[in-house]
Structures are given as C-alpha cells and as structure tokens.
Amino acid sequence: MLKRLYALCLTPLISFWSGCLDETFDLTEAADLINPQEYNSNQIFFKYPKNWEISADSNTTAFHNIYMQTQGEAMVIYQSYPSDVAESLTTFSKDFSEKMTQTEIPLGEISKSELKAIPKVAGFEGIEETFDISIIGISVPHKRIFLSKKIADQQVFLIYQAAIEDHPQTESGFNLIRDTLKESEGS
C-alpha cells in the first residue's frame, strides 16, 4: 500500500527535479505572507503564501496528500493517515528519503543524506535531512524537514524541501502552514 502512496508523490517530484537547473538563475521569490490563501477542505484548514499554489490534492479514506509549490523549486507536501496505522516519524522520514534517493534523475543524482532530530515546535516532532542534488556536475545542497503530529484521528506529516540557498525566502511560508494547520471547524 505504501508503494502506491509514494507513487502519488512522483509527479510533483519530477517537476521539482526538472526545476533544479533553475537554481543557477535564482527564481525563488520570498513567500508572500500578506493576505495569505486558505485551504479549508477534507477536514483540515491551513493558510499558505499568496504566491504559492496547490498543484495536487488527492484524498481517500486511508490517505490524504496535498502538494504545494513555490514560485521557484521549494515544495511542501502534506500527508495524513489514520493514526492507528500511521508510521512513526522516524520510519516515515527514512522511507521517504530512501524512495527519493532511489528515484532516477535525468543526468543527475541525489547524494546520501543525513537525518537528525530537531526540537519540537508548535506541537510537531521534527527531523531534518540534508543532501545534495547534482545535475550535470552542478551540486546544490538541499534541506528537507519532516514534521508530524496527531490532528483529530489523523497522523499528519508535513514535508518541506528547498535548496539551502532558497531556505531564507521560503521558510516563513512553511512556518505559516505549520502554525495554522488544524482540524476544520465543524469537522
């Protein structure tokens, strides 16, 4: 079942990897937090930057996946599972990282990553991963942050990924999503 769920993430990831070449052109805009957009559907609510977009939103009784993109190459993935069947954050982050490392990148590769626990914030447990994506000999250091907490009867995972050089422009947008994420009113 998890293999099918990871397959849902491949389309957005292909668009991410194709954008890695744009790193040399610095196309990442700062997260626009003035008048943020709101997501209020499928029993969850959060705000996200005005200049980001939701490019995929799939929901079944067992799994919910939302993929958000910045104007550059950073991304945020929301995934939730029934809490009684969800993996631990450690297992989830290791599995996710391994799947991404095994995915082929045309003319490139992903380096072996390093995962480390980070302090709890806004009720979320956290793990940070650092790795490099190399395309045509150009290596770009990246950071991926995995967060998890229980909301209602769901175990929620937030995954934030950006080139380290783009982190200052995008971190505030990720924090907005993290800090406003909650169960929808009337759920």
N, C-alpha and C. Protein backbone atom coordinates (compact mmCIF):
# COMPACT_ATOMS: atom_id res chain seq x y z
N MET A 1 0.82 -1.19 0.00
CA MET A 1 0.00 0.00 0.00
C MET A 1 0.87 1.26 0.00
N LEU A 2 1.93 1.26 0.80
CA LEU A 2 2.79 2.45 0.86
C LEU A 2 3.46 2.71 -0.48
N LYS A 3 3.75 1.66 -1.26
CA LYS A 3 4.37 1.87 -2.56
C LYS A 3 3.46 2.69 -3.46
N ARG A 4 2.14 2.40 -3.41
CA ARG A 4 1.20 3.17 -4.21
C ARG A 4 1.14 4.61 -3.72
N LEU A 5 1.22 4.80 -2.42
CA LEU A 5 1.15 6.15 -1.87
C LEU A 5 2.37 6.97 -2.28
N TYR A 6 3.54 6.35 -2.26
CA TYR A 6 4.73 7.06 -2.69
C TYR A 6 4.65 7.40 -4.18
N ALA A 7 4.00 6.54 -4.96
CA ALA A 7 3.85 6.82 -6.38
C ALA A 7 3.08 8.11 -6.62
N LEU A 8 2.16 8.44 -5.73
CA LEU A 8 1.42 9.69 -5.86
C LEU A 8 2.33 10.91 -5.76
N CYS A 9 3.46 10.75 -5.12
CA CYS A 9 4.40 11.86 -4.94
C CYS A 9 5.34 12.02 -6.13
N LEU A 10 5.42 11.04 -7.01
CA LEU A 10 6.42 11.08 -8.07
C LEU A 10 6.20 12.21 -9.07
N THR A 11 4.95 12.47 -9.46
CA THR A 11 4.70 13.53 -10.43
C THR A 11 5.20 14.88 -9.92
N PRO A 12 4.83 15.28 -8.70
CA PRO A 12 5.37 16.55 -8.21
C PRO A 12 6.89 16.55 -8.08
N LEU A 13 7.47 15.42 -7.74
CA LEU A 13 8.92 15.37 -7.57
C LEU A 13 9.64 15.50 -8.90
N ILE A 14 9.05 14.96 -9.96
CA ILE A 14 9.67 15.11 -11.28
C ILE A 14 9.71 16.59 -11.65
N SER A 15 8.63 17.32 -11.36
CA SER A 15 8.65 18.75 -11.65
C SER A 15 9.68 19.47 -10.80
N PHE A 16 9.87 19.01 -9.57
CA PHE A 16 10.89 19.61 -8.70
C PHE A 16 12.28 19.40 -9.28
N TRP A 17 12.58 18.16 -9.66
CA TRP A 17 13.91 17.87 -10.16
C TRP A 17 14.19 18.59 -11.47
N SER A 18 13.19 18.71 -12.33
CA SER A 18 13.42 19.44 -13.58
C SER A 18 13.71 20.90 -13.29
N GLY A 19 13.20 21.41 -12.19
CA GLY A 19 13.45 22.80 -11.81
C GLY A 19 14.79 23.02 -11.17
N CYS A 20 15.48 21.98 -10.79
CA CYS A 20 16.77 22.16 -10.11
C CYS A 20 17.77 22.90 -10.98
N LEU A 21 17.65 22.78 -12.29
CA LEU A 21 18.56 23.52 -13.16
C LEU A 21 18.35 25.02 -13.03
N ASP A 22 17.14 25.42 -12.63
CA ASP A 22 16.85 26.84 -12.47
C ASP A 22 17.55 27.44 -11.27
N GLU A 23 18.15 26.61 -10.41
CA GLU A 23 18.83 27.12 -9.22
C GLU A 23 19.88 28.16 -9.59
N THR A 24 20.53 27.97 -10.73
CA THR A 24 21.58 28.91 -11.11
C THR A 24 21.01 30.27 -11.49
N PHE A 25 19.69 30.34 -11.74
CA PHE A 25 19.05 31.60 -12.12
C PHE A 25 18.31 32.24 -10.95
N ASP A 26 18.30 31.62 -9.77
CA ASP A 26 17.69 32.16 -8.55
C ASP A 26 16.28 32.67 -8.79
N LEU A 27 15.36 31.79 -9.17
CA LEU A 27 13.98 32.16 -9.46
C LEU A 27 13.07 32.11 -8.25
N THR A 28 13.58 31.78 -7.10
CA THR A 28 12.75 31.64 -5.92
C THR A 28 12.43 33.00 -5.31
N GLU A 29 11.13 33.29 -5.24
CA GLU A 29 10.66 34.53 -4.62
C GLU A 29 10.42 34.29 -3.15
N ALA A 30 10.48 35.35 -2.37
CA ALA A 30 10.14 35.25 -0.95
C ALA A 30 8.67 34.89 -0.81
N ALA A 31 8.35 34.11 0.21
CA ALA A 31 6.96 33.75 0.48
C ALA A 31 6.17 35.03 0.77
N ASP A 32 5.04 35.21 0.06
CA ASP A 32 4.19 36.40 0.23
C ASP A 32 3.16 36.10 1.32
N LEU A 33 3.40 36.63 2.50
CA LEU A 33 2.53 36.35 3.65
C LEU A 33 1.44 37.39 3.85
N ILE A 34 1.40 38.42 3.00
CA ILE A 34 0.34 39.43 3.08
C ILE A 34 -0.89 38.84 2.39
N ASN A 35 -2.01 38.82 3.08
CA ASN A 35 -3.25 38.23 2.57
C ASN A 35 -3.04 36.80 2.07
N PRO A 36 -2.63 35.90 2.95
CA PRO A 36 -2.37 34.51 2.52
C PRO A 36 -3.65 33.82 2.03
N GLN A 37 -3.45 32.79 1.23
CA GLN A 37 -4.56 31.95 0.78
C GLN A 37 -4.93 30.99 1.91
N GLU A 38 -6.14 30.43 1.82
CA GLU A 38 -6.59 29.46 2.82
C GLU A 38 -7.01 28.17 2.14
N TYR A 39 -6.66 27.08 2.78
CA TYR A 39 -7.15 25.75 2.39
C TYR A 39 -8.09 25.31 3.50
N ASN A 40 -9.32 24.97 3.14
CA ASN A 40 -10.31 24.53 4.13
C ASN A 40 -11.17 23.46 3.47
N SER A 41 -10.69 22.24 3.50
CA SER A 41 -11.37 21.14 2.83
C SER A 41 -10.91 19.83 3.46
N ASN A 42 -11.69 18.79 3.25
CA ASN A 42 -11.31 17.45 3.70
C ASN A 42 -10.88 17.42 5.17
N GLN A 43 -11.58 18.18 5.99
CA GLN A 43 -11.43 18.20 7.45
C GLN A 43 -10.15 18.87 7.94
N ILE A 44 -9.46 19.61 7.08
CA ILE A 44 -8.28 20.34 7.56
C ILE A 44 -8.34 21.79 7.08
N PHE A 45 -7.62 22.63 7.81
CA PHE A 45 -7.52 24.05 7.49
C PHE A 45 -6.07 24.49 7.69
N PHE A 46 -5.58 25.30 6.77
CA PHE A 46 -4.29 25.98 6.95
C PHE A 46 -4.22 27.16 6.00
N LYS A 47 -3.34 28.08 6.31
CA LYS A 47 -3.05 29.21 5.43
C LYS A 47 -1.71 28.94 4.75
N TYR A 48 -1.59 29.48 3.53
CA TYR A 48 -0.34 29.33 2.80
C TYR A 48 -0.07 30.61 2.00
N PRO A 49 1.19 30.85 1.64
CA PRO A 49 1.55 32.11 0.98
C PRO A 49 0.76 32.39 -0.29
N LYS A 50 0.50 33.66 -0.50
CA LYS A 50 -0.27 34.11 -1.65
C LYS A 50 0.37 33.68 -2.97
N ASN A 51 1.70 33.64 -3.03
CA ASN A 51 2.38 33.32 -4.28
C ASN A 51 2.77 31.84 -4.40
N TRP A 52 2.19 30.99 -3.56
CA TRP A 52 2.38 29.55 -3.69
C TRP A 52 1.09 28.95 -4.23
N GLU A 53 1.19 27.76 -4.79
CA GLU A 53 -0.02 27.12 -5.31
C GLU A 53 -0.10 25.66 -4.91
N ILE A 54 -1.33 25.20 -4.79
CA ILE A 54 -1.58 23.78 -4.56
C ILE A 54 -1.69 23.15 -5.94
N SER A 55 -0.78 22.25 -6.25
CA SER A 55 -0.77 21.64 -7.58
C SER A 55 -1.32 20.22 -7.59
N ALA A 56 -1.51 19.63 -6.42
CA ALA A 56 -2.12 18.30 -6.34
C ALA A 56 -2.82 18.17 -5.00
N ASP A 57 -4.00 17.56 -5.02
CA ASP A 57 -4.77 17.33 -3.80
C ASP A 57 -5.57 16.06 -4.00
N SER A 58 -5.14 14.98 -3.37
CA SER A 58 -5.85 13.71 -3.50
C SER A 58 -6.21 13.20 -2.12
N ASN A 59 -7.40 12.64 -2.02
CA ASN A 59 -7.91 12.21 -0.73
C ASN A 59 -8.68 10.90 -0.88
N THR A 60 -8.34 9.93 -0.05
CA THR A 60 -9.11 8.69 0.05
C THR A 60 -9.43 8.50 1.53
N THR A 61 -10.13 7.45 1.87
CA THR A 61 -10.43 7.22 3.28
C THR A 61 -9.18 6.89 4.08
N ALA A 62 -8.13 6.39 3.41
CA ALA A 62 -6.92 5.98 4.12
C ALA A 62 -5.75 6.96 3.99
N PHE A 63 -5.86 7.93 3.10
CA PHE A 63 -4.69 8.75 2.80
C PHE A 63 -5.12 10.09 2.23
N HIS A 64 -4.44 11.15 2.63
CA HIS A 64 -4.67 12.48 2.06
C HIS A 64 -3.31 13.07 1.71
N ASN A 65 -3.17 13.56 0.49
CA ASN A 65 -1.92 14.12 0.01
C ASN A 65 -2.18 15.47 -0.65
N ILE A 66 -1.45 16.49 -0.22
CA ILE A 66 -1.51 17.81 -0.84
C ILE A 66 -0.08 18.20 -1.19
N TYR A 67 0.11 18.68 -2.41
CA TYR A 67 1.43 19.11 -2.86
C TYR A 67 1.36 20.60 -3.17
N MET A 68 2.23 21.39 -2.52
CA MET A 68 2.28 22.83 -2.74
C MET A 68 3.64 23.21 -3.30
N GLN A 69 3.63 24.16 -4.24
CA GLN A 69 4.85 24.62 -4.87
C GLN A 69 5.03 26.11 -4.66
N THR A 70 6.28 26.52 -4.57
CA THR A 70 6.61 27.94 -4.52
C THR A 70 6.78 28.42 -5.96
N GLN A 71 7.14 29.68 -6.13
CA GLN A 71 7.44 30.21 -7.46
C GLN A 71 8.76 29.65 -7.99
N GLY A 72 9.60 29.14 -7.11
CA GLY A 72 10.86 28.52 -7.51
C GLY A 72 10.74 27.02 -7.42
N GLU A 73 11.68 26.38 -6.73
CA GLU A 73 11.70 24.93 -6.66
C GLU A 73 11.38 24.35 -5.29
N ALA A 74 11.16 25.18 -4.30
CA ALA A 74 10.83 24.64 -2.98
C ALA A 74 9.43 24.02 -3.02
N MET A 75 9.19 23.09 -2.11
CA MET A 75 7.89 22.42 -2.08
C MET A 75 7.52 22.05 -0.66
N VAL A 76 6.21 21.90 -0.46
CA VAL A 76 5.67 21.40 0.80
C VAL A 76 4.69 20.30 0.45
N ILE A 77 4.80 19.19 1.15
CA ILE A 77 3.87 18.08 0.97
C ILE A 77 3.17 17.84 2.31
N TYR A 78 1.85 17.76 2.27
CA TYR A 78 1.04 17.40 3.43
C TYR A 78 0.56 15.98 3.17
N GLN A 79 0.75 15.09 4.14
CA GLN A 79 0.19 13.74 4.05
C GLN A 79 -0.42 13.40 5.39
N SER A 80 -1.56 12.72 5.35
CA SER A 80 -2.16 12.25 6.60
C SER A 80 -2.69 10.84 6.41
N TYR A 81 -2.63 10.10 7.50
CA TYR A 81 -3.06 8.71 7.55
C TYR A 81 -3.86 8.52 8.84
N PRO A 82 -4.77 7.54 8.88
CA PRO A 82 -5.42 7.24 10.16
C PRO A 82 -4.33 6.94 11.20
N SER A 83 -4.45 7.54 12.37
CA SER A 83 -3.38 7.44 13.36
C SER A 83 -3.11 6.02 13.82
N ASP A 84 -4.11 5.15 13.73
CA ASP A 84 -3.89 3.77 14.18
C ASP A 84 -3.06 2.93 13.21
N VAL A 85 -2.82 3.43 11.98
CA VAL A 85 -2.00 2.68 11.02
C VAL A 85 -0.78 3.47 10.55
N ALA A 86 -0.63 4.69 11.01
CA ALA A 86 0.48 5.54 10.55
C ALA A 86 1.81 5.08 11.12
N GLU A 87 2.86 5.31 10.34
CA GLU A 87 4.22 5.00 10.78
C GLU A 87 4.70 6.09 11.74
N SER A 88 5.77 5.79 12.45
CA SER A 88 6.42 6.80 13.27
C SER A 88 7.10 7.81 12.35
N LEU A 89 7.40 8.98 12.88
CA LEU A 89 8.10 9.99 12.08
C LEU A 89 9.47 9.48 11.63
N THR A 90 10.17 8.78 12.48
CA THR A 90 11.49 8.24 12.12
C THR A 90 11.38 7.28 10.94
N THR A 91 10.45 6.35 11.00
CA THR A 91 10.26 5.39 9.91
C THR A 91 9.80 6.09 8.64
N PHE A 92 8.83 6.99 8.78
CA PHE A 92 8.30 7.73 7.63
C PHE A 92 9.41 8.50 6.92
N SER A 93 10.21 9.24 7.67
CA SER A 93 11.26 10.07 7.05
C SER A 93 12.34 9.20 6.40
N LYS A 94 12.73 8.11 7.04
CA LYS A 94 13.73 7.21 6.43
C LYS A 94 13.19 6.60 5.14
N ASP A 95 11.94 6.11 5.17
CA ASP A 95 11.35 5.51 3.97
C ASP A 95 11.22 6.53 2.84
N PHE A 96 10.75 7.72 3.17
CA PHE A 96 10.58 8.77 2.17
C PHE A 96 11.94 9.11 1.54
N SER A 97 12.93 9.30 2.37
CA SER A 97 14.27 9.64 1.90
C SER A 97 14.84 8.55 1.00
N GLU A 98 14.70 7.29 1.41
CA GLU A 98 15.20 6.18 0.60
C GLU A 98 14.51 6.12 -0.75
N LYS A 99 13.19 6.33 -0.78
CA LYS A 99 12.46 6.31 -2.05
C LYS A 99 12.94 7.43 -2.97
N MET A 100 13.19 8.60 -2.42
CA MET A 100 13.65 9.72 -3.23
C MET A 100 15.06 9.48 -3.75
N THR A 101 15.91 8.88 -2.95
CA THR A 101 17.28 8.58 -3.37
C THR A 101 17.29 7.54 -4.49
N GLN A 102 16.34 6.61 -4.46
CA GLN A 102 16.27 5.55 -5.47
C GLN A 102 15.65 6.02 -6.78
N THR A 103 14.95 7.15 -6.75
CA THR A 103 14.32 7.67 -7.96
C THR A 103 15.39 8.24 -8.88
N GLU A 104 15.31 7.87 -10.15
CA GLU A 104 16.32 8.32 -11.09
C GLU A 104 16.07 9.77 -11.49
N ILE A 105 17.15 10.53 -11.57
CA ILE A 105 17.10 11.91 -12.04
C ILE A 105 17.85 11.95 -13.36
N PRO A 106 17.20 12.43 -14.43
CA PRO A 106 17.93 12.51 -15.70
C PRO A 106 19.20 13.35 -15.54
N LEU A 107 20.31 12.81 -15.94
CA LEU A 107 21.61 13.48 -15.91
C LEU A 107 22.05 13.91 -14.52
N GLY A 108 21.56 13.23 -13.49
CA GLY A 108 21.94 13.66 -12.14
C GLY A 108 21.79 12.57 -11.11
N GLU A 109 22.00 12.98 -9.85
CA GLU A 109 21.88 12.05 -8.74
C GLU A 109 21.62 12.80 -7.44
N ILE A 110 21.14 12.05 -6.46
CA ILE A 110 20.93 12.59 -5.12
C ILE A 110 21.95 11.93 -4.21
N SER A 111 22.65 12.73 -3.43
CA SER A 111 23.66 12.19 -2.53
C SER A 111 23.02 11.46 -1.36
N LYS A 112 23.82 10.68 -0.68
CA LYS A 112 23.38 10.05 0.56
C LYS A 112 23.07 11.18 1.54
N SER A 113 22.00 11.02 2.28
CA SER A 113 21.56 12.09 3.16
C SER A 113 21.89 11.81 4.61
N GLU A 114 21.72 12.84 5.40
CA GLU A 114 21.91 12.74 6.84
C GLU A 114 20.62 13.21 7.50
N LEU A 115 20.07 12.36 8.38
CA LEU A 115 18.84 12.69 9.11
C LEU A 115 19.17 12.93 10.58
N LYS A 116 18.57 13.99 11.15
CA LYS A 116 18.78 14.24 12.58
C LYS A 116 17.51 14.83 13.18
N ALA A 117 17.25 14.47 14.43
CA ALA A 117 16.08 15.00 15.14
C ALA A 117 16.28 16.49 15.39
N ILE A 118 15.17 17.24 15.32
CA ILE A 118 15.20 18.67 15.64
C ILE A 118 14.20 18.93 16.76
N PRO A 119 14.35 20.04 17.47
CA PRO A 119 13.45 20.31 18.60
C PRO A 119 11.98 20.38 18.18
N LYS A 120 11.11 19.97 19.09
CA LYS A 120 9.68 20.02 18.86
C LYS A 120 9.25 21.48 18.73
N VAL A 121 8.38 21.78 17.75
CA VAL A 121 7.90 23.14 17.55
C VAL A 121 6.42 23.10 17.17
N ALA A 122 5.64 23.97 17.78
CA ALA A 122 4.20 24.07 17.52
C ALA A 122 3.50 22.72 17.65
N GLY A 123 3.99 21.87 18.56
CA GLY A 123 3.40 20.57 18.78
C GLY A 123 3.85 19.49 17.81
N PHE A 124 4.72 19.83 16.87
CA PHE A 124 5.20 18.88 15.87
C PHE A 124 6.55 18.30 16.29
N GLU A 125 6.69 16.98 16.16
CA GLU A 125 8.01 16.34 16.24
C GLU A 125 8.70 16.65 14.92
N GLY A 126 10.04 16.71 14.91
CA GLY A 126 10.72 17.05 13.68
C GLY A 126 11.99 16.29 13.41
N ILE A 127 12.28 16.11 12.13
CA ILE A 127 13.53 15.52 11.64
C ILE A 127 13.99 16.37 10.47
N GLU A 128 15.28 16.69 10.45
CA GLU A 128 15.86 17.46 9.36
C GLU A 128 16.80 16.57 8.57
N GLU A 129 16.74 16.70 7.27
CA GLU A 129 17.60 15.92 6.37
C GLU A 129 18.37 16.89 5.48
N THR A 130 19.64 16.65 5.30
CA THR A 130 20.44 17.43 4.37
C THR A 130 21.02 16.49 3.32
N PHE A 131 21.06 16.96 2.08
CA PHE A 131 21.54 16.16 0.96
C PHE A 131 21.86 17.10 -0.19
N ASP A 132 22.53 16.58 -1.20
CA ASP A 132 22.84 17.35 -2.41
C ASP A 132 22.13 16.72 -3.60
N ILE A 133 21.64 17.57 -4.48
CA ILE A 133 21.15 17.12 -5.78
C ILE A 133 22.15 17.64 -6.80
N SER A 134 22.71 16.70 -7.58
CA SER A 134 23.70 17.06 -8.60
C SER A 134 23.11 16.79 -9.97
N ILE A 135 23.15 17.80 -10.82
CA ILE A 135 22.68 17.66 -12.19
C ILE A 135 23.75 18.26 -13.10
N ILE A 136 24.19 17.47 -14.05
CA ILE A 136 25.23 17.87 -15.00
C ILE A 136 26.43 18.47 -14.27
N GLY A 137 26.83 17.83 -13.20
CA GLY A 137 28.02 18.25 -12.47
C GLY A 137 27.84 19.42 -11.53
N ILE A 138 26.64 19.99 -11.46
CA ILE A 138 26.38 21.10 -10.55
C ILE A 138 25.69 20.53 -9.32
N SER A 139 26.31 20.71 -8.16
CA SER A 139 25.78 20.18 -6.91
C SER A 139 25.10 21.29 -6.13
N VAL A 140 23.84 21.05 -5.74
CA VAL A 140 23.07 22.04 -4.99
C VAL A 140 22.67 21.43 -3.65
N PRO A 141 23.18 21.97 -2.53
CA PRO A 141 22.80 21.47 -1.20
C PRO A 141 21.32 21.76 -0.92
N HIS A 142 20.64 20.78 -0.35
CA HIS A 142 19.22 20.89 -0.04
C HIS A 142 18.95 20.54 1.42
N LYS A 143 17.80 20.99 1.87
CA LYS A 143 17.32 20.66 3.21
C LYS A 143 15.88 20.17 3.06
N ARG A 144 15.58 19.10 3.79
CA ARG A 144 14.21 18.58 3.85
C ARG A 144 13.85 18.48 5.32
N ILE A 145 12.70 19.02 5.70
CA ILE A 145 12.24 18.96 7.08
C ILE A 145 10.96 18.14 7.11
N PHE A 146 10.95 17.15 7.99
CA PHE A 146 9.78 16.31 8.22
C PHE A 146 9.20 16.68 9.57
N LEU A 147 7.90 16.97 9.61
CA LEU A 147 7.22 17.24 10.87
C LEU A 147 6.02 16.32 10.98
N SER A 148 5.63 15.99 12.21
CA SER A 148 4.48 15.11 12.41
C SER A 148 3.79 15.42 13.73
N LYS A 149 2.46 15.36 13.69
CA LYS A 149 1.66 15.41 14.91
C LYS A 149 0.28 14.86 14.61
N LYS A 150 -0.42 14.50 15.67
CA LYS A 150 -1.77 13.96 15.53
C LYS A 150 -2.75 15.13 15.53
N ILE A 151 -3.65 15.13 14.54
CA ILE A 151 -4.74 16.10 14.46
C ILE A 151 -6.01 15.29 14.28
N ALA A 152 -6.91 15.42 15.26
CA ALA A 152 -8.14 14.60 15.30
C ALA A 152 -7.72 13.13 15.29
N ASP A 153 -8.23 12.34 14.36
CA ASP A 153 -7.89 10.91 14.31
C ASP A 153 -6.84 10.61 13.23
N GLN A 154 -6.15 11.65 12.75
CA GLN A 154 -5.16 11.50 11.68
C GLN A 154 -3.76 11.81 12.19
N GLN A 155 -2.79 11.07 11.67
CA GLN A 155 -1.39 11.41 11.90
C GLN A 155 -0.96 12.22 10.69
N VAL A 156 -0.56 13.44 10.92
CA VAL A 156 -0.21 14.37 9.85
C VAL A 156 1.30 14.45 9.71
N PHE A 157 1.76 14.44 8.46
CA PHE A 157 3.17 14.63 8.14
C PHE A 157 3.29 15.82 7.21
N LEU A 158 4.15 16.77 7.54
CA LEU A 158 4.49 17.88 6.67
C LEU A 158 5.93 17.69 6.22
N ILE A 159 6.16 17.82 4.93
CA ILE A 159 7.49 17.68 4.37
C ILE A 159 7.81 18.98 3.63
N TYR A 160 8.87 19.62 4.01
CA TYR A 160 9.31 20.87 3.39
C TYR A 160 10.67 20.62 2.78
N GLN A 161 10.83 20.98 1.51
CA GLN A 161 12.12 20.77 0.84
C GLN A 161 12.49 22.01 0.05
N ALA A 162 13.72 22.45 0.22
CA ALA A 162 14.22 23.61 -0.52
C ALA A 162 15.74 23.51 -0.63
N ALA A 163 16.26 24.15 -1.67
CA ALA A 163 17.71 24.33 -1.73
C ALA A 163 18.09 25.19 -0.53
N ILE A 164 19.21 24.89 0.07
CA ILE A 164 19.62 25.64 1.26
C ILE A 164 19.72 27.13 0.95
N GLU A 165 20.15 27.48 -0.25
CA GLU A 165 20.24 28.91 -0.61
C GLU A 165 18.86 29.57 -0.72
N ASP A 166 17.80 28.79 -0.94
CA ASP A 166 16.44 29.33 -1.04
C ASP A 166 15.69 29.29 0.29
N HIS A 167 16.27 28.63 1.27
CA HIS A 167 15.61 28.46 2.57
C HIS A 167 15.18 29.79 3.19
N PRO A 168 16.00 30.84 3.17
CA PRO A 168 15.56 32.11 3.78
C PRO A 168 14.31 32.71 3.12
N GLN A 169 14.11 32.49 1.81
CA GLN A 169 12.94 33.03 1.12
C GLN A 169 11.68 32.20 1.35
N THR A 170 11.84 30.93 1.70
CA THR A 170 10.68 30.03 1.75
C THR A 170 10.31 29.55 3.15
N GLU A 171 11.22 29.65 4.10
CA GLU A 171 10.96 29.12 5.44
C GLU A 171 9.73 29.75 6.09
N SER A 172 9.53 31.05 5.91
CA SER A 172 8.38 31.71 6.54
C SER A 172 7.06 31.17 5.99
N GLY A 173 7.03 30.78 4.72
CA GLY A 173 5.83 30.18 4.14
C GLY A 173 5.53 28.82 4.74
N PHE A 174 6.58 28.02 4.90
CA PHE A 174 6.41 26.72 5.54
C PHE A 174 5.93 26.89 6.97
N ASN A 175 6.52 27.85 7.68
CA ASN A 175 6.10 28.09 9.07
C ASN A 175 4.65 28.54 9.15
N LEU A 176 4.19 29.32 8.17
CA LEU A 176 2.78 29.74 8.13
C LEU A 176 1.88 28.51 8.04
N ILE A 177 2.20 27.59 7.15
CA ILE A 177 1.41 26.36 7.01
C ILE A 177 1.43 25.58 8.32
N ARG A 178 2.61 25.36 8.85
CA ARG A 178 2.77 24.62 10.11
C ARG A 178 1.97 25.26 11.24
N ASP A 179 2.07 26.56 11.39
CA ASP A 179 1.47 27.25 12.53
C ASP A 179 -0.05 27.40 12.43
N THR A 180 -0.61 27.31 11.22
CA THR A 180 -2.06 27.47 11.06
C THR A 180 -2.78 26.15 10.80
N LEU A 181 -2.05 25.06 10.64
CA LEU A 181 -2.65 23.76 10.35
C LEU A 181 -3.47 23.28 11.54
N LYS A 182 -4.74 22.96 11.27
CA LYS A 182 -5.64 22.46 12.31
C LYS A 182 -6.81 21.75 11.66
N GLU A 183 -7.59 21.10 12.49
CA GLU A 183 -8.81 20.46 12.02
C GLU A 183 -9.80 21.56 11.62
N SER A 184 -10.53 21.35 10.51
CA SER A 184 -11.53 22.33 10.08
C SER A 184 -12.60 22.49 11.14
N GLU A 185 -13.13 23.70 11.25
CA GLU A 185 -14.26 23.94 12.15
C GLU A 185 -15.45 23.12 11.65
N GLY A 186 -16.18 22.53 12.57
CA GLY A 186 -17.36 21.75 12.21
C GLY A 186 -17.05 20.37 11.66
N SER A 187 -15.80 19.92 11.75
CA SER A 187 -15.44 18.58 11.24
C SER A 187 -15.97 17.51 12.16
